[in-house]
Amino acid sequence: MKYARNLIALGVVAVLGVAIISTGCKSVPELTKENALALIQAKYDQSPAAAITILLNKQAMGQGIVANYWQLSKVYPNRYWADYTLTPQGKKFIKLPAGGDVIQWRPDSSDATAYVVSVSTVATAHLKAKDLGDLSDQTVAGVSTAKGGQFSEAVNLDSLPSELQNIAHNTGNKLSSKHQAIFSYENGAWVLHSVV
């Protein structure tokens, strides 16, 4: 009888313990891909906007002449060095890293197809987060619940004219890169913990 009473008392304590634990613990809401992308994009939107660096190869130099961004202003005696001067139209959208308005084209030979020069955009833009993969559980020091997923960080070309966007898509320009985002559930909400 004493054994049965102890067993019943132990059962009551166990049931009360489970009830207390279950009422004290709230379930963690699901982190959807859309919400996760929104958290990453919010971080990018809060960062200062930056100019976009565009590498110009031989093909891009021709495209820029057709788009009236620059014009050939000097050809050197070796016949493959040249200077290209930014047009008033070009100055609206492009600036040179060293300042001025002359793109100095100085390849090592006439068939130097890998030669590039860089320019940057006058307009600034925030990066874009896109293509988030599946989220998986993560272990993060000091955080009880965390998830992570890989996504693409892309340069935002939306504010540029289509001709300059086409030039930016030429070989040599890196317009996106893969990163890992880690999210943690803190103080009742999902937050972006880090991007690596």
N, C-alpha and C. Protein backbone atom coordinates (compact mmCIF):
# COMPACT_ATOMS: atom_id res chain seq x y z
N MET A 1 0.82 -1.19 0.00
CA MET A 1 0.00 0.00 0.00
C MET A 1 0.87 1.26 0.00
N LYS A 2 1.90 1.23 0.85
CA LYS A 2 2.80 2.36 0.91
C LYS A 2 3.48 2.55 -0.46
N TYR A 3 3.83 1.44 -1.08
CA TYR A 3 4.47 1.46 -2.39
C TYR A 3 3.52 2.08 -3.43
N ALA A 4 2.26 1.73 -3.39
CA ALA A 4 1.27 2.24 -4.34
C ALA A 4 1.06 3.74 -4.14
N ARG A 5 1.01 4.17 -2.85
CA ARG A 5 0.86 5.60 -2.58
C ARG A 5 2.06 6.39 -3.11
N ASN A 6 3.25 5.86 -2.91
CA ASN A 6 4.46 6.55 -3.41
C ASN A 6 4.47 6.61 -4.94
N LEU A 7 4.01 5.53 -5.55
CA LEU A 7 3.95 5.48 -7.01
C LEU A 7 2.94 6.50 -7.55
N ILE A 8 1.78 6.60 -6.89
CA ILE A 8 0.76 7.58 -7.30
C ILE A 8 1.29 9.00 -7.08
N ALA A 9 1.93 9.25 -5.96
CA ALA A 9 2.48 10.57 -5.67
C ALA A 9 3.56 10.93 -6.69
N LEU A 10 4.39 9.98 -7.04
CA LEU A 10 5.43 10.20 -8.04
C LEU A 10 4.80 10.50 -9.41
N GLY A 11 3.71 9.80 -9.74
CA GLY A 11 3.00 10.03 -10.99
C GLY A 11 2.40 11.42 -11.04
N VAL A 12 1.81 11.87 -9.91
CA VAL A 12 1.22 13.21 -9.84
C VAL A 12 2.31 14.27 -10.01
N VAL A 13 3.45 14.07 -9.36
CA VAL A 13 4.57 15.02 -9.48
C VAL A 13 5.05 15.07 -10.93
N ALA A 14 5.14 13.92 -11.59
CA ALA A 14 5.60 13.86 -12.98
C ALA A 14 4.63 14.60 -13.90
N VAL A 15 3.32 14.37 -13.70
CA VAL A 15 2.31 15.05 -14.53
C VAL A 15 2.36 16.55 -14.31
N LEU A 16 2.47 16.99 -13.06
CA LEU A 16 2.56 18.41 -12.77
C LEU A 16 3.83 19.02 -13.38
N GLY A 17 4.93 18.28 -13.31
CA GLY A 17 6.20 18.76 -13.88
C GLY A 17 6.08 18.96 -15.38
N VAL A 18 5.47 18.01 -16.07
CA VAL A 18 5.28 18.13 -17.52
C VAL A 18 4.35 19.29 -17.82
N ALA A 19 3.32 19.48 -17.04
CA ALA A 19 2.37 20.58 -17.27
C ALA A 19 3.07 21.92 -17.07
N ILE A 20 3.89 22.02 -16.03
CA ILE A 20 4.60 23.28 -15.77
C ILE A 20 5.58 23.57 -16.90
N ILE A 21 6.32 22.54 -17.32
CA ILE A 21 7.29 22.73 -18.40
C ILE A 21 6.60 23.11 -19.70
N SER A 22 5.50 22.43 -20.03
CA SER A 22 4.83 22.70 -21.31
C SER A 22 4.17 24.08 -21.34
N THR A 23 3.70 24.55 -20.18
CA THR A 23 3.10 25.89 -20.18
C THR A 23 4.17 26.98 -20.15
N GLY A 24 5.35 26.66 -19.61
CA GLY A 24 6.43 27.63 -19.54
C GLY A 24 7.18 27.75 -20.85
N CYS A 25 7.16 26.75 -21.71
CA CYS A 25 7.89 26.76 -22.98
C CYS A 25 6.94 27.08 -24.12
N LYS A 26 7.27 28.10 -24.85
CA LYS A 26 6.48 28.42 -26.03
C LYS A 26 7.18 27.82 -27.22
N SER A 27 6.42 27.37 -28.19
CA SER A 27 7.03 26.78 -29.37
C SER A 27 7.64 27.87 -30.25
N VAL A 28 8.74 27.53 -30.91
CA VAL A 28 9.43 28.46 -31.80
C VAL A 28 8.71 28.47 -33.14
N PRO A 29 8.30 29.64 -33.64
CA PRO A 29 7.61 29.69 -34.93
C PRO A 29 8.56 29.30 -36.07
N GLU A 30 7.99 28.81 -37.13
CA GLU A 30 8.79 28.41 -38.28
C GLU A 30 9.43 29.64 -38.94
N LEU A 31 10.65 29.48 -39.40
CA LEU A 31 11.33 30.52 -40.16
C LEU A 31 11.20 30.16 -41.63
N THR A 32 10.38 30.90 -42.36
CA THR A 32 10.18 30.61 -43.79
C THR A 32 11.32 31.22 -44.60
N LYS A 33 11.49 30.74 -45.82
CA LYS A 33 12.52 31.28 -46.71
C LYS A 33 12.25 32.76 -46.99
N GLU A 34 10.97 33.11 -47.17
CA GLU A 34 10.62 34.49 -47.46
C GLU A 34 11.01 35.41 -46.29
N ASN A 35 10.71 34.97 -45.07
CA ASN A 35 11.07 35.77 -43.89
C ASN A 35 12.58 35.86 -43.73
N ALA A 36 13.28 34.76 -43.99
CA ALA A 36 14.73 34.76 -43.88
C ALA A 36 15.36 35.71 -44.89
N LEU A 37 14.88 35.66 -46.14
CA LEU A 37 15.40 36.58 -47.17
C LEU A 37 15.12 38.03 -46.80
N ALA A 38 13.95 38.28 -46.22
CA ALA A 38 13.60 39.64 -45.81
C ALA A 38 14.55 40.14 -44.71
N LEU A 39 14.97 39.26 -43.81
CA LEU A 39 15.92 39.64 -42.76
C LEU A 39 17.28 40.00 -43.36
N ILE A 40 17.73 39.21 -44.34
CA ILE A 40 19.01 39.50 -44.99
C ILE A 40 18.91 40.82 -45.75
N GLN A 41 17.83 40.99 -46.52
CA GLN A 41 17.67 42.21 -47.32
C GLN A 41 17.59 43.44 -46.43
N ALA A 42 16.95 43.32 -45.28
CA ALA A 42 16.87 44.45 -44.34
C ALA A 42 18.27 44.87 -43.89
N LYS A 43 19.14 43.88 -43.66
CA LYS A 43 20.53 44.19 -43.28
C LYS A 43 21.22 44.95 -44.41
N TYR A 44 21.06 44.48 -45.66
CA TYR A 44 21.68 45.15 -46.79
C TYR A 44 21.13 46.56 -46.97
N ASP A 45 19.82 46.72 -46.79
CA ASP A 45 19.19 48.03 -46.97
C ASP A 45 19.63 49.03 -45.90
N GLN A 46 20.03 48.53 -44.73
CA GLN A 46 20.49 49.41 -43.65
C GLN A 46 21.96 49.79 -43.83
N SER A 47 22.70 49.03 -44.64
CA SER A 47 24.10 49.35 -44.91
C SER A 47 24.17 50.48 -45.91
N PRO A 48 25.26 51.25 -45.91
CA PRO A 48 25.38 52.34 -46.90
C PRO A 48 25.37 51.79 -48.33
N ALA A 49 24.68 52.46 -49.22
CA ALA A 49 24.69 52.09 -50.63
C ALA A 49 26.07 52.38 -51.19
N ALA A 50 26.47 51.60 -52.19
CA ALA A 50 27.82 51.76 -52.76
C ALA A 50 27.76 51.78 -54.28
N ALA A 51 28.78 52.39 -54.88
CA ALA A 51 28.91 52.37 -56.33
C ALA A 51 29.26 50.95 -56.77
N ILE A 52 28.99 50.64 -58.02
CA ILE A 52 29.27 49.31 -58.57
C ILE A 52 30.51 49.42 -59.44
N THR A 53 31.47 48.55 -59.21
CA THR A 53 32.66 48.50 -60.05
C THR A 53 32.37 47.61 -61.25
N ILE A 54 32.69 48.11 -62.44
CA ILE A 54 32.48 47.37 -63.68
C ILE A 54 33.82 47.25 -64.39
N LEU A 55 34.19 46.02 -64.74
CA LEU A 55 35.41 45.79 -65.49
C LEU A 55 35.09 45.84 -66.98
N LEU A 56 35.90 46.60 -67.70
CA LEU A 56 35.70 46.77 -69.14
C LEU A 56 36.75 45.95 -69.89
N ASN A 57 36.28 45.01 -70.71
CA ASN A 57 37.17 44.26 -71.58
C ASN A 57 37.08 44.86 -72.99
N LYS A 58 37.75 44.21 -73.95
CA LYS A 58 37.76 44.74 -75.32
C LYS A 58 36.34 44.86 -75.88
N GLN A 59 35.51 43.86 -75.64
CA GLN A 59 34.12 43.90 -76.10
C GLN A 59 33.38 45.08 -75.49
N ALA A 60 33.58 45.33 -74.19
CA ALA A 60 32.89 46.42 -73.49
C ALA A 60 33.31 47.78 -74.04
N MET A 61 34.56 47.89 -74.44
CA MET A 61 35.00 49.19 -74.99
C MET A 61 34.20 49.52 -76.24
N GLY A 62 33.96 48.53 -77.09
CA GLY A 62 33.13 48.75 -78.29
C GLY A 62 31.69 49.05 -77.93
N GLN A 63 31.15 48.33 -76.93
CA GLN A 63 29.77 48.58 -76.50
C GLN A 63 29.61 50.00 -75.96
N GLY A 64 30.63 50.49 -75.24
CA GLY A 64 30.57 51.84 -74.68
C GLY A 64 30.58 52.91 -75.75
N ILE A 65 31.31 52.67 -76.85
CA ILE A 65 31.30 53.62 -77.97
C ILE A 65 29.91 53.66 -78.60
N VAL A 66 29.33 52.48 -78.85
CA VAL A 66 27.98 52.41 -79.44
C VAL A 66 26.94 53.08 -78.53
N ALA A 67 27.08 52.91 -77.22
CA ALA A 67 26.13 53.50 -76.27
C ALA A 67 26.40 54.99 -76.02
N ASN A 68 27.46 55.53 -76.64
CA ASN A 68 27.84 56.93 -76.48
C ASN A 68 28.26 57.26 -75.05
N TYR A 69 28.94 56.31 -74.36
CA TYR A 69 29.48 56.56 -73.03
C TYR A 69 30.90 57.12 -73.12
N TRP A 70 31.65 56.75 -74.14
CA TRP A 70 32.99 57.27 -74.38
C TRP A 70 33.27 57.23 -75.87
N GLN A 71 34.30 57.97 -76.25
CA GLN A 71 34.71 57.98 -77.66
C GLN A 71 36.23 57.88 -77.74
N LEU A 72 36.70 57.30 -78.82
CA LEU A 72 38.13 57.15 -79.03
C LEU A 72 38.73 58.54 -79.24
N SER A 73 39.71 58.89 -78.42
CA SER A 73 40.31 60.23 -78.54
C SER A 73 41.77 60.18 -78.95
N LYS A 74 42.44 59.01 -78.79
CA LYS A 74 43.85 58.93 -79.19
C LYS A 74 44.24 57.48 -79.39
N VAL A 75 44.97 57.21 -80.47
CA VAL A 75 45.56 55.90 -80.71
C VAL A 75 47.07 56.09 -80.70
N TYR A 76 47.79 55.24 -79.98
CA TYR A 76 49.24 55.36 -79.85
C TYR A 76 49.96 54.66 -81.00
N PRO A 77 51.25 54.98 -81.22
CA PRO A 77 51.99 54.41 -82.36
C PRO A 77 52.01 52.88 -82.42
N ASN A 78 51.92 52.20 -81.28
CA ASN A 78 51.92 50.73 -81.32
C ASN A 78 50.59 50.16 -81.81
N ARG A 79 49.60 51.01 -82.02
CA ARG A 79 48.28 50.69 -82.60
C ARG A 79 47.34 49.91 -81.69
N TYR A 80 47.76 49.55 -80.47
CA TYR A 80 46.82 48.87 -79.57
C TYR A 80 46.63 49.60 -78.25
N TRP A 81 47.42 50.59 -77.97
CA TRP A 81 47.13 51.47 -76.85
C TRP A 81 46.22 52.58 -77.35
N ALA A 82 45.31 53.01 -76.48
CA ALA A 82 44.40 54.07 -76.87
C ALA A 82 43.87 54.80 -75.65
N ASP A 83 43.36 55.98 -75.87
CA ASP A 83 42.65 56.75 -74.85
C ASP A 83 41.21 56.91 -75.31
N TYR A 84 40.30 56.76 -74.38
CA TYR A 84 38.88 56.95 -74.65
C TYR A 84 38.38 58.00 -73.67
N THR A 85 37.74 59.02 -74.19
CA THR A 85 37.24 60.12 -73.36
C THR A 85 35.76 59.92 -73.08
N LEU A 86 35.39 60.06 -71.81
CA LEU A 86 33.97 59.96 -71.45
C LEU A 86 33.19 61.09 -72.12
N THR A 87 32.03 60.76 -72.64
CA THR A 87 31.13 61.76 -73.23
C THR A 87 30.28 62.37 -72.11
N PRO A 88 29.59 63.46 -72.39
CA PRO A 88 28.66 63.99 -71.38
C PRO A 88 27.64 62.93 -70.92
N GLN A 89 27.18 62.09 -71.87
CA GLN A 89 26.26 61.00 -71.52
C GLN A 89 26.94 60.01 -70.58
N GLY A 90 28.19 59.65 -70.89
CA GLY A 90 28.93 58.72 -70.06
C GLY A 90 29.17 59.23 -68.65
N LYS A 91 29.43 60.54 -68.53
CA LYS A 91 29.69 61.13 -67.22
C LYS A 91 28.47 61.09 -66.31
N LYS A 92 27.28 60.93 -66.88
CA LYS A 92 26.06 60.82 -66.06
C LYS A 92 26.04 59.50 -65.29
N PHE A 93 26.70 58.48 -65.86
CA PHE A 93 26.58 57.13 -65.29
C PHE A 93 27.89 56.53 -64.80
N ILE A 94 29.03 57.04 -65.29
CA ILE A 94 30.32 56.39 -65.04
C ILE A 94 31.32 57.38 -64.47
N LYS A 95 32.15 56.89 -63.56
CA LYS A 95 33.29 57.69 -63.09
C LYS A 95 34.51 56.78 -63.06
N LEU A 96 35.68 57.38 -63.17
CA LEU A 96 36.93 56.63 -63.20
C LEU A 96 37.55 56.60 -61.81
N PRO A 97 38.18 55.49 -61.43
CA PRO A 97 38.75 55.37 -60.08
C PRO A 97 39.76 56.47 -59.74
N ALA A 98 40.55 56.88 -60.73
CA ALA A 98 41.57 57.89 -60.48
C ALA A 98 41.06 59.30 -60.77
N GLY A 99 39.79 59.43 -61.10
CA GLY A 99 39.24 60.73 -61.47
C GLY A 99 39.50 61.01 -62.95
N GLY A 100 39.17 62.20 -63.37
CA GLY A 100 39.36 62.57 -64.76
C GLY A 100 38.28 61.99 -65.65
N ASP A 101 38.52 62.09 -66.97
CA ASP A 101 37.51 61.61 -67.90
C ASP A 101 38.11 60.78 -69.04
N VAL A 102 39.35 60.29 -68.86
CA VAL A 102 40.01 59.52 -69.91
C VAL A 102 40.27 58.09 -69.43
N ILE A 103 39.72 57.14 -70.16
CA ILE A 103 40.00 55.72 -69.91
C ILE A 103 41.27 55.38 -70.67
N GLN A 104 42.29 54.96 -69.94
CA GLN A 104 43.57 54.63 -70.56
C GLN A 104 43.62 53.13 -70.85
N TRP A 105 43.56 52.80 -72.13
CA TRP A 105 43.56 51.40 -72.58
C TRP A 105 45.01 51.02 -72.89
N ARG A 106 45.62 50.13 -72.06
CA ARG A 106 47.04 49.83 -72.17
C ARG A 106 47.32 48.33 -72.12
N PRO A 107 46.78 47.55 -73.04
CA PRO A 107 47.07 46.10 -73.04
C PRO A 107 48.54 45.84 -73.42
N ASP A 108 49.02 44.63 -73.10
CA ASP A 108 50.41 44.24 -73.41
C ASP A 108 50.63 43.97 -74.89
N SER A 109 49.57 43.59 -75.59
CA SER A 109 49.69 43.31 -77.02
C SER A 109 48.34 43.56 -77.69
N SER A 110 48.32 43.49 -79.01
CA SER A 110 47.08 43.75 -79.74
C SER A 110 46.04 42.66 -79.53
N ASP A 111 46.46 41.45 -79.12
CA ASP A 111 45.50 40.36 -78.90
C ASP A 111 45.33 40.02 -77.42
N ALA A 112 45.55 41.00 -76.56
CA ALA A 112 45.42 40.78 -75.10
C ALA A 112 43.94 40.77 -74.73
N THR A 113 43.30 39.63 -74.93
CA THR A 113 41.85 39.53 -74.70
C THR A 113 41.50 39.55 -73.22
N ALA A 114 42.44 39.26 -72.33
CA ALA A 114 42.15 39.24 -70.90
C ALA A 114 42.33 40.61 -70.25
N TYR A 115 42.79 41.59 -70.99
CA TYR A 115 43.04 42.91 -70.41
C TYR A 115 41.72 43.60 -70.07
N VAL A 116 41.67 44.23 -68.90
CA VAL A 116 40.48 44.97 -68.47
C VAL A 116 40.91 46.25 -67.75
N VAL A 117 40.03 47.22 -67.77
CA VAL A 117 40.16 48.41 -66.94
C VAL A 117 38.87 48.52 -66.13
N SER A 118 38.93 49.22 -65.02
CA SER A 118 37.71 49.32 -64.20
C SER A 118 37.18 50.74 -64.18
N VAL A 119 35.88 50.82 -64.10
CA VAL A 119 35.16 52.07 -63.88
C VAL A 119 34.16 51.79 -62.76
N SER A 120 33.56 52.83 -62.25
CA SER A 120 32.49 52.61 -61.27
C SER A 120 31.28 53.46 -61.66
N THR A 121 30.16 53.10 -61.10
CA THR A 121 28.93 53.80 -61.43
C THR A 121 28.79 55.06 -60.58
N VAL A 122 28.16 56.06 -61.14
CA VAL A 122 27.84 57.27 -60.38
C VAL A 122 26.74 56.94 -59.38
N ALA A 123 25.74 56.18 -59.83
CA ALA A 123 24.64 55.77 -58.95
C ALA A 123 25.14 54.74 -57.95
N THR A 124 24.60 54.79 -56.75
CA THR A 124 24.91 53.80 -55.73
C THR A 124 23.70 52.88 -55.54
N ALA A 125 23.96 51.71 -55.02
CA ALA A 125 22.87 50.74 -54.83
C ALA A 125 23.19 49.83 -53.65
N HIS A 126 22.14 49.23 -53.12
CA HIS A 126 22.28 48.22 -52.07
C HIS A 126 22.36 46.85 -52.73
N LEU A 127 23.06 45.94 -52.09
CA LEU A 127 23.12 44.56 -52.58
C LEU A 127 21.74 43.92 -52.47
N LYS A 128 21.54 42.84 -53.24
CA LYS A 128 20.28 42.09 -53.20
C LYS A 128 20.56 40.69 -52.67
N ALA A 129 19.66 40.19 -51.84
CA ALA A 129 19.71 38.80 -51.37
C ALA A 129 18.69 38.01 -52.16
N LYS A 130 19.09 36.85 -52.69
CA LYS A 130 18.15 36.04 -53.46
C LYS A 130 18.57 34.58 -53.43
N ASP A 131 17.69 33.73 -53.93
CA ASP A 131 17.95 32.29 -54.09
C ASP A 131 18.42 31.61 -52.81
N LEU A 132 17.68 31.82 -51.73
CA LEU A 132 18.01 31.16 -50.46
C LEU A 132 17.69 29.68 -50.57
N GLY A 133 18.64 28.85 -50.20
CA GLY A 133 18.43 27.40 -50.21
C GLY A 133 17.64 26.95 -48.99
N ASP A 134 17.52 25.65 -48.83
CA ASP A 134 16.79 25.11 -47.68
C ASP A 134 17.48 25.48 -46.38
N LEU A 135 16.67 25.77 -45.39
CA LEU A 135 17.19 26.12 -44.06
C LEU A 135 17.38 24.86 -43.25
N SER A 136 18.48 24.79 -42.51
CA SER A 136 18.74 23.63 -41.65
C SER A 136 19.13 24.10 -40.26
N ASP A 137 18.95 23.21 -39.28
CA ASP A 137 19.32 23.53 -37.90
C ASP A 137 20.82 23.76 -37.81
N GLN A 138 21.20 24.74 -36.99
CA GLN A 138 22.61 25.09 -36.80
C GLN A 138 22.92 25.14 -35.31
N THR A 139 24.18 24.99 -34.99
CA THR A 139 24.64 25.13 -33.62
C THR A 139 25.43 26.43 -33.53
N VAL A 140 24.95 27.33 -32.67
CA VAL A 140 25.60 28.62 -32.49
C VAL A 140 25.81 28.83 -31.00
N ALA A 141 27.01 29.19 -30.61
CA ALA A 141 27.33 29.41 -29.20
C ALA A 141 26.43 30.48 -28.60
N GLY A 142 25.85 30.19 -27.47
CA GLY A 142 25.01 31.15 -26.75
C GLY A 142 23.60 31.28 -27.28
N VAL A 143 23.24 30.48 -28.27
CA VAL A 143 21.90 30.54 -28.85
C VAL A 143 21.28 29.16 -28.79
N SER A 144 20.06 29.07 -28.30
CA SER A 144 19.43 27.75 -28.15
C SER A 144 18.83 27.24 -29.46
N THR A 145 18.32 28.14 -30.31
CA THR A 145 17.70 27.73 -31.56
C THR A 145 18.28 28.56 -32.70
N ALA A 146 18.82 27.88 -33.70
CA ALA A 146 19.41 28.59 -34.84
C ALA A 146 19.19 27.79 -36.12
N LYS A 147 19.11 28.51 -37.22
CA LYS A 147 18.97 27.90 -38.54
C LYS A 147 19.93 28.61 -39.48
N GLY A 148 20.27 27.93 -40.57
CA GLY A 148 21.17 28.54 -41.54
C GLY A 148 20.84 28.07 -42.94
N GLY A 149 21.26 28.86 -43.91
CA GLY A 149 21.06 28.50 -45.31
C GLY A 149 21.95 29.32 -46.21
N GLN A 150 22.24 28.75 -47.37
CA GLN A 150 23.08 29.43 -48.35
C GLN A 150 22.22 30.28 -49.28
N PHE A 151 22.73 31.46 -49.64
CA PHE A 151 21.99 32.35 -50.54
C PHE A 151 22.96 33.06 -51.46
N SER A 152 22.41 33.72 -52.47
CA SER A 152 23.22 34.51 -53.40
C SER A 152 23.13 35.98 -53.03
N GLU A 153 24.28 36.61 -52.96
CA GLU A 153 24.36 38.05 -52.76
C GLU A 153 24.65 38.65 -54.14
N ALA A 154 23.77 39.50 -54.64
CA ALA A 154 23.89 39.99 -56.01
C ALA A 154 24.01 41.51 -56.05
N VAL A 155 24.76 41.99 -57.03
CA VAL A 155 24.87 43.41 -57.29
C VAL A 155 23.54 43.87 -57.89
N ASN A 156 23.04 45.01 -57.44
CA ASN A 156 21.76 45.53 -57.92
C ASN A 156 22.01 46.51 -59.07
N LEU A 157 21.70 46.07 -60.29
CA LEU A 157 21.91 46.88 -61.48
C LEU A 157 20.65 47.64 -61.92
N ASP A 158 19.57 47.55 -61.14
CA ASP A 158 18.28 48.09 -61.56
C ASP A 158 18.31 49.58 -61.91
N SER A 159 19.15 50.36 -61.25
CA SER A 159 19.16 51.80 -61.49
C SER A 159 19.99 52.20 -62.71
N LEU A 160 20.65 51.23 -63.34
CA LEU A 160 21.51 51.54 -64.49
C LEU A 160 20.74 51.40 -65.80
N PRO A 161 21.12 52.19 -66.81
CA PRO A 161 20.49 52.02 -68.12
C PRO A 161 20.84 50.65 -68.71
N SER A 162 20.00 50.16 -69.60
CA SER A 162 20.16 48.79 -70.12
C SER A 162 21.51 48.59 -70.81
N GLU A 163 22.03 49.60 -71.51
CA GLU A 163 23.32 49.45 -72.18
C GLU A 163 24.43 49.20 -71.17
N LEU A 164 24.40 49.91 -70.04
CA LEU A 164 25.43 49.73 -69.01
C LEU A 164 25.23 48.40 -68.29
N GLN A 165 23.99 47.97 -68.11
CA GLN A 165 23.74 46.64 -67.55
C GLN A 165 24.34 45.56 -68.45
N ASN A 166 24.18 45.71 -69.77
CA ASN A 166 24.76 44.75 -70.70
C ASN A 166 26.27 44.70 -70.59
N ILE A 167 26.90 45.86 -70.47
CA ILE A 167 28.35 45.92 -70.30
C ILE A 167 28.75 45.21 -69.01
N ALA A 168 27.99 45.42 -67.95
CA ALA A 168 28.30 44.80 -66.65
C ALA A 168 28.19 43.27 -66.70
N HIS A 169 27.42 42.74 -67.65
CA HIS A 169 27.27 41.29 -67.76
C HIS A 169 28.37 40.63 -68.59
N ASN A 170 29.33 41.41 -69.10
CA ASN A 170 30.43 40.83 -69.87
C ASN A 170 31.33 39.97 -68.97
N THR A 171 32.09 39.11 -69.61
CA THR A 171 33.04 38.24 -68.92
C THR A 171 33.99 39.08 -68.05
N GLY A 172 34.25 38.58 -66.86
CA GLY A 172 35.18 39.25 -65.94
C GLY A 172 34.49 39.95 -64.79
N ASN A 173 33.23 40.31 -64.97
CA ASN A 173 32.49 40.98 -63.90
C ASN A 173 31.84 39.94 -63.00
N LYS A 174 32.03 40.10 -61.71
CA LYS A 174 31.42 39.19 -60.74
C LYS A 174 30.21 39.91 -60.15
N LEU A 175 29.03 39.46 -60.56
CA LEU A 175 27.81 40.14 -60.15
C LEU A 175 27.11 39.47 -58.98
N SER A 176 27.54 38.26 -58.61
CA SER A 176 26.94 37.61 -57.45
C SER A 176 27.95 36.67 -56.81
N SER A 177 27.70 36.36 -55.55
CA SER A 177 28.54 35.42 -54.81
C SER A 177 27.67 34.68 -53.80
N LYS A 178 28.12 33.51 -53.41
CA LYS A 178 27.38 32.68 -52.45
C LYS A 178 27.83 33.01 -51.03
N HIS A 179 26.87 33.03 -50.13
CA HIS A 179 27.14 33.28 -48.71
C HIS A 179 26.26 32.38 -47.86
N GLN A 180 26.63 32.24 -46.61
CA GLN A 180 25.86 31.47 -45.64
C GLN A 180 25.28 32.44 -44.62
N ALA A 181 23.97 32.37 -44.41
CA ALA A 181 23.31 33.21 -43.41
C ALA A 181 22.92 32.33 -42.23
N ILE A 182 23.15 32.84 -41.04
CA ILE A 182 22.76 32.15 -39.81
C ILE A 182 21.71 33.01 -39.11
N PHE A 183 20.61 32.38 -38.73
CA PHE A 183 19.51 33.06 -38.05
C PHE A 183 19.36 32.47 -36.66
N SER A 184 19.01 33.30 -35.69
CA SER A 184 18.80 32.81 -34.33
C SER A 184 17.46 33.31 -33.80
N TYR A 185 16.87 32.50 -32.95
CA TYR A 185 15.60 32.86 -32.33
C TYR A 185 15.92 33.48 -30.98
N GLU A 186 15.69 34.80 -30.87
CA GLU A 186 16.05 35.53 -29.65
C GLU A 186 14.91 36.45 -29.23
N ASN A 187 14.61 36.44 -27.97
CA ASN A 187 13.58 37.32 -27.40
C ASN A 187 12.25 37.26 -28.15
N GLY A 188 11.88 36.04 -28.54
CA GLY A 188 10.58 35.84 -29.18
C GLY A 188 10.52 36.14 -30.66
N ALA A 189 11.67 36.31 -31.33
CA ALA A 189 11.66 36.61 -32.76
C ALA A 189 12.91 36.07 -33.44
N TRP A 190 12.78 35.75 -34.72
CA TRP A 190 13.92 35.34 -35.52
C TRP A 190 14.72 36.60 -35.91
N VAL A 191 16.03 36.52 -35.79
CA VAL A 191 16.91 37.63 -36.19
C VAL A 191 18.05 37.07 -37.02
N LEU A 192 18.64 37.91 -37.85
CA LEU A 192 19.81 37.53 -38.62
C LEU A 192 21.02 37.60 -37.67
N HIS A 193 21.63 36.46 -37.43
CA HIS A 193 22.75 36.38 -36.50
C HIS A 193 24.05 36.77 -37.20
N SER A 194 24.29 36.22 -38.41
CA SER A 194 25.52 36.55 -39.13
C SER A 194 25.40 36.13 -40.60
N VAL A 195 26.27 36.74 -41.40
CA VAL A 195 26.42 36.36 -42.81
C VAL A 195 27.90 36.12 -43.04
N VAL A 196 28.22 34.94 -43.56
CA VAL A 196 29.63 34.61 -43.84
C VAL A 196 29.78 34.14 -45.27
